Protein backbone atom coordinates (compact mmCIF):
# COMPACT_ATOMS: atom_id res chain seq x y z
CA UNK A 1 -77.59 -133.18 76.52
CA UNK A 2 -81.13 -134.16 77.56
CA UNK A 3 -82.84 -132.19 74.76
CA UNK A 4 -80.83 -133.75 71.95
CA UNK A 5 -81.63 -136.98 70.03
CA UNK A 6 -78.15 -138.26 70.94
CA UNK A 7 -77.98 -137.54 74.67
CA UNK A 8 -74.66 -139.22 75.45
CA UNK A 9 -71.42 -139.78 73.59
CA UNK A 10 -68.41 -137.98 72.16
CA UNK A 11 -69.10 -134.36 71.30
CA UNK A 12 -68.63 -133.50 67.64
CA UNK A 13 -69.12 -130.09 66.02
CA UNK A 14 -70.96 -130.46 62.69
CA UNK A 15 -71.89 -128.17 59.81
CA UNK A 16 -74.89 -129.56 57.87
CA UNK A 17 -77.00 -128.54 54.94
CA UNK A 18 -80.25 -127.20 56.39
CA UNK A 19 -82.50 -128.98 53.88
CA UNK A 20 -80.93 -132.42 53.51
CA UNK A 21 -78.73 -132.64 56.65
CA UNK A 22 -75.79 -133.51 54.39
CA UNK A 23 -72.69 -133.20 56.61
CA UNK A 24 -70.30 -130.68 55.09
CA UNK A 25 -67.68 -130.68 57.85
CA UNK A 26 -67.13 -132.25 61.28
CA UNK A 27 -64.70 -131.65 64.13
CA UNK A 28 -64.28 -133.72 67.29
CA UNK A 29 -64.40 -131.68 70.50
CA UNK A 30 -61.06 -132.21 72.24
CA UNK A 31 -61.81 -130.45 75.53
CA UNK A 32 -59.66 -127.74 77.02
CA UNK A 33 -56.39 -126.57 75.55
CA UNK A 34 -53.10 -127.97 76.91
CA UNK A 35 -52.53 -127.24 80.62
CA UNK A 36 -56.29 -126.84 81.08
CA UNK A 37 -56.47 -123.36 79.57
CA UNK A 38 -60.06 -122.56 78.51
CA UNK A 39 -60.43 -121.56 74.87
CA UNK A 40 -61.60 -118.00 74.28
CA UNK A 41 -64.50 -117.45 71.84
CA UNK A 42 -64.64 -121.15 71.06
CA UNK A 43 -68.00 -120.92 69.29
CA UNK A 44 -66.70 -118.39 66.78
CA UNK A 45 -63.56 -120.43 66.13
CA UNK A 46 -65.66 -123.57 65.51
CA UNK A 47 -67.92 -121.85 62.96
CA UNK A 48 -64.95 -120.40 61.09
CA UNK A 49 -63.25 -123.81 61.01
CA UNK A 50 -66.34 -125.70 59.83
CA UNK A 51 -67.22 -123.25 57.06
CA UNK A 52 -63.80 -123.25 55.39
CA UNK A 53 -64.33 -123.70 51.64
CA UNK A 54 -67.90 -122.32 51.57
CA UNK A 55 -68.89 -119.16 49.71
CA UNK A 56 -72.18 -117.27 49.39
CA UNK A 57 -73.96 -119.45 51.96
CA UNK A 58 -75.94 -118.53 55.06
CA UNK A 59 -74.98 -119.99 58.44
CA UNK A 60 -77.75 -120.69 60.98
CA UNK A 61 -76.39 -121.23 64.47
CA UNK A 62 -77.23 -121.54 68.16
CA UNK A 63 -76.46 -118.75 70.64
CA UNK A 64 -73.24 -120.51 71.73
CA UNK A 65 -71.78 -119.74 68.30
CA UNK A 66 -73.24 -116.26 67.70
CA UNK A 67 -70.74 -113.42 68.04
CA UNK A 68 -70.93 -109.92 66.61
CA UNK A 69 -67.32 -110.30 65.44
CA UNK A 70 -68.25 -113.59 63.73
CA UNK A 71 -70.64 -111.90 61.32
CA UNK A 72 -67.82 -109.60 60.14
CA UNK A 73 -65.50 -112.55 59.63
CA UNK A 74 -68.16 -114.42 57.62
CA UNK A 75 -68.96 -111.35 55.52
CA UNK A 76 -65.30 -111.28 54.47
CA UNK A 77 -65.94 -114.77 53.05
CA UNK A 78 -69.12 -113.50 51.33
CA UNK A 79 -71.31 -115.42 53.77
CA UNK A 80 -74.21 -114.34 55.98
CA UNK A 81 -75.45 -115.67 59.30
CA UNK A 82 -78.61 -115.89 61.40
CA UNK A 83 -78.39 -116.90 65.04
CA UNK A 84 -79.91 -116.53 68.47
CA UNK A 85 -78.01 -114.28 70.88
CA UNK A 86 -77.38 -114.76 74.58
CA UNK A 87 -78.63 -111.90 76.72
CA UNK A 88 -75.20 -111.30 78.29
CA UNK A 89 -73.61 -110.33 74.98
CA UNK A 90 -72.23 -106.77 75.13
CA UNK A 91 -73.40 -106.01 71.59
CA UNK A 92 -77.07 -106.15 72.64
CA UNK A 93 -78.49 -102.64 73.32
CA UNK A 94 -80.30 -102.25 76.63
CA UNK A 95 -83.43 -101.13 74.78
CA UNK A 96 -83.71 -104.57 73.17
CA UNK A 97 -83.26 -106.42 76.46
CA UNK A 98 -85.90 -104.41 78.31
CA UNK A 99 -89.36 -106.02 78.26
CA UNK A 100 -91.14 -103.63 80.62
CA UNK A 101 -94.34 -102.33 79.07
CA UNK A 102 -93.97 -104.38 75.89
CA UNK A 103 -96.91 -106.30 74.47
CA UNK A 104 -96.82 -110.03 73.73
CA UNK A 105 -95.80 -110.74 70.08
CA UNK A 106 -94.12 -107.34 69.82
CA UNK A 107 -90.71 -106.86 68.15
CA UNK A 108 -87.93 -104.31 68.42
CA UNK A 109 -85.17 -103.92 65.86
CA UNK A 110 -81.70 -102.39 65.85
CA UNK A 111 -79.52 -101.89 62.78
CA UNK A 112 -75.89 -101.34 61.82
CA UNK A 113 -74.67 -101.05 58.20
CA UNK A 114 -74.14 -104.83 58.09
CA UNK A 115 -76.18 -106.35 60.92
CA UNK A 116 -79.79 -106.56 62.08
CA UNK A 117 -80.79 -107.33 65.68
CA UNK A 118 -84.31 -108.22 66.72
CA UNK A 119 -85.95 -108.71 70.12
CA UNK A 120 -89.24 -110.64 70.09
CA UNK A 121 -91.66 -111.45 72.94
CA UNK A 122 -93.26 -114.87 72.26
CA UNK A 123 -95.00 -114.71 75.65
CA UNK A 124 -95.13 -112.53 78.72
CA UNK A 125 -91.77 -111.90 80.41
CA UNK A 126 -89.85 -113.92 77.79
CA UNK A 127 -87.54 -112.21 75.35
CA UNK A 128 -85.84 -113.86 72.35
CA UNK A 129 -82.99 -112.06 70.58
CA UNK A 130 -81.52 -112.86 67.17
CA UNK A 131 -78.73 -111.44 65.04
CA UNK A 132 -78.73 -111.52 61.24
CA UNK A 133 -76.58 -110.28 58.39
CA UNK A 134 -78.98 -111.85 55.89
CA UNK A 135 -81.92 -109.54 56.67
CA UNK A 136 -81.71 -105.79 56.18
CA UNK A 137 -85.25 -104.62 57.01
CA UNK A 138 -87.75 -104.96 59.87
CA UNK A 139 -90.04 -107.44 58.13
CA UNK A 140 -92.80 -108.98 60.29
CA UNK A 141 -95.03 -111.83 59.13
CA UNK A 142 -98.82 -111.55 58.90
CA UNK A 143 -99.24 -114.60 61.15
CA UNK A 144 -101.24 -114.38 64.37
CA UNK A 145 -98.07 -114.45 66.47
CA UNK A 146 -96.45 -111.69 64.32
CA UNK A 147 -93.07 -113.38 64.22
CA UNK A 148 -90.34 -111.45 62.39
CA UNK A 149 -88.99 -112.98 59.19
CA UNK A 150 -85.61 -113.44 60.90
CA UNK A 151 -87.14 -115.87 63.42
CA UNK A 152 -89.14 -117.73 60.75
CA UNK A 153 -85.98 -118.24 58.67
CA UNK A 154 -84.07 -119.36 61.76
CA UNK A 155 -86.78 -121.90 62.68
CA UNK A 156 -86.81 -123.31 59.13
CA UNK A 157 -83.06 -123.87 59.00
CA UNK A 158 -81.95 -124.70 62.54
CA UNK A 159 -82.64 -128.46 62.60
CA UNK A 160 -80.04 -129.84 60.18
CA UNK A 161 -77.65 -131.28 62.77
CA UNK A 162 -80.40 -132.66 65.00
CA UNK A 163 -81.95 -134.42 62.02
CA UNK A 164 -78.58 -135.94 61.10
CA UNK A 165 -78.29 -137.32 64.66
CA UNK A 166 -81.78 -138.76 64.31
CA UNK A 167 -81.27 -140.57 61.01
CA UNK A 168 -77.86 -142.06 61.83
CA UNK A 169 -79.26 -143.11 65.19
CA UNK A 170 -82.00 -145.06 63.42
CA UNK A 171 -79.75 -146.80 60.86
CA UNK A 172 -76.14 -147.30 61.94
CA UNK A 173 -73.24 -149.73 62.14
CA UNK A 174 -72.36 -149.02 65.78
CA UNK A 175 -71.30 -151.76 68.16
CA UNK A 176 -70.83 -151.67 71.91
CA UNK A 177 -67.25 -150.63 72.64
CA UNK A 178 -65.25 -148.70 75.22
CA UNK A 179 -62.64 -147.62 72.67
CA UNK A 180 -63.13 -143.95 71.77
CA UNK A 181 -61.31 -144.18 68.39
CA UNK A 182 -63.62 -147.02 67.36
CA UNK A 183 -66.69 -144.99 68.37
CA UNK A 184 -65.47 -142.12 66.17
CA UNK A 185 -64.74 -144.54 63.32
CA UNK A 186 -68.30 -145.95 63.51
CA UNK A 187 -69.65 -142.40 63.37
CA UNK A 188 -67.54 -141.62 60.31
CA UNK A 189 -68.98 -144.69 58.55
CA UNK A 190 -72.55 -143.75 59.48
CA UNK A 191 -72.25 -140.11 58.38
CA UNK A 192 -70.44 -141.08 55.17
CA UNK A 193 -73.19 -143.58 54.35
CA UNK A 194 -75.86 -140.94 54.90
CA UNK A 195 -73.99 -138.43 52.74
CA UNK A 196 -73.74 -141.04 49.97
CA UNK A 197 -77.46 -141.67 50.33
CA UNK A 198 -78.21 -137.94 49.88
CA UNK A 199 -75.98 -137.76 46.79
CA UNK A 200 -77.63 -140.89 45.37
CA UNK A 201 -81.09 -139.39 45.89
CA UNK A 202 -80.09 -136.24 44.03
CA UNK A 203 -78.77 -138.29 41.12
CA UNK A 204 -81.75 -140.72 41.11
CA UNK A 205 -84.80 -138.69 42.20
CA UNK A 206 -87.26 -141.20 40.70
CA UNK A 207 -86.11 -144.16 42.80
CA UNK A 208 -87.55 -143.33 46.22
CA UNK A 209 -90.28 -144.66 48.48
CA UNK A 210 -92.53 -147.70 48.34
CA UNK A 211 -94.08 -146.81 44.99
CA UNK A 212 -90.81 -147.63 43.24
CA UNK A 213 -90.01 -150.71 45.34
CA UNK A 214 -90.19 -153.02 42.33
CA UNK A 215 -87.75 -150.86 40.40
CA UNK A 216 -85.47 -150.67 43.46
CA UNK A 217 -85.90 -154.03 45.27
CA UNK A 218 -83.16 -153.24 47.78
CA UNK A 219 -83.44 -149.86 49.48
CA UNK A 220 -80.66 -147.37 48.91
CA UNK A 221 -79.85 -147.25 52.59
CA UNK A 222 -79.59 -151.05 52.77
CA UNK A 223 -77.22 -151.05 49.80
CA UNK A 224 -74.95 -148.50 51.44
CA UNK A 225 -74.83 -150.43 54.72
CA UNK A 226 -74.07 -153.69 52.86
């Protein structure tokens, strides 16, 4: 994955808090089903698995995970979702996919009783589509690029997993090994340490940064790794 902070390794599905990157749930990708049968609607199944136990939260996800059926399943759990949508999805109306004659920074919306779809042109001949059950109206920001509120919310909340990869890549207990179970074990230790760090920060908000170095001579992260 050349665009990800962790380009190589074992693939793990992760559900993170958007603000703190606290890892709520993780699932190791096991490849195809027995006998090489490809899994149908894998992205939807992964989201439903990782959000078990959550209520009244919003899920922000990539287009691999965004299904029209998924938003109905999440609504049954009293959860909403915002996600980008691939252009080959059958739920996308042709009017939203068409960009002929549309101005740059223009938006088109489509609505059902539970779902909002938006098509936005960030530049000429490029169309971005998103699906949301969190937004009910066609709200557009007063910014110069006239981005809809759906896209602004998506951009604010989409980086939780990437940030988790970044921080555990900077401070970790990994060692060179060819044993896959040991690689997964190292990752469990790293993510658990980061989660403990986030909990500790919430409990001790005054003991952070260099200004409180004298009060906290050993950094929280160093304590967890020791």
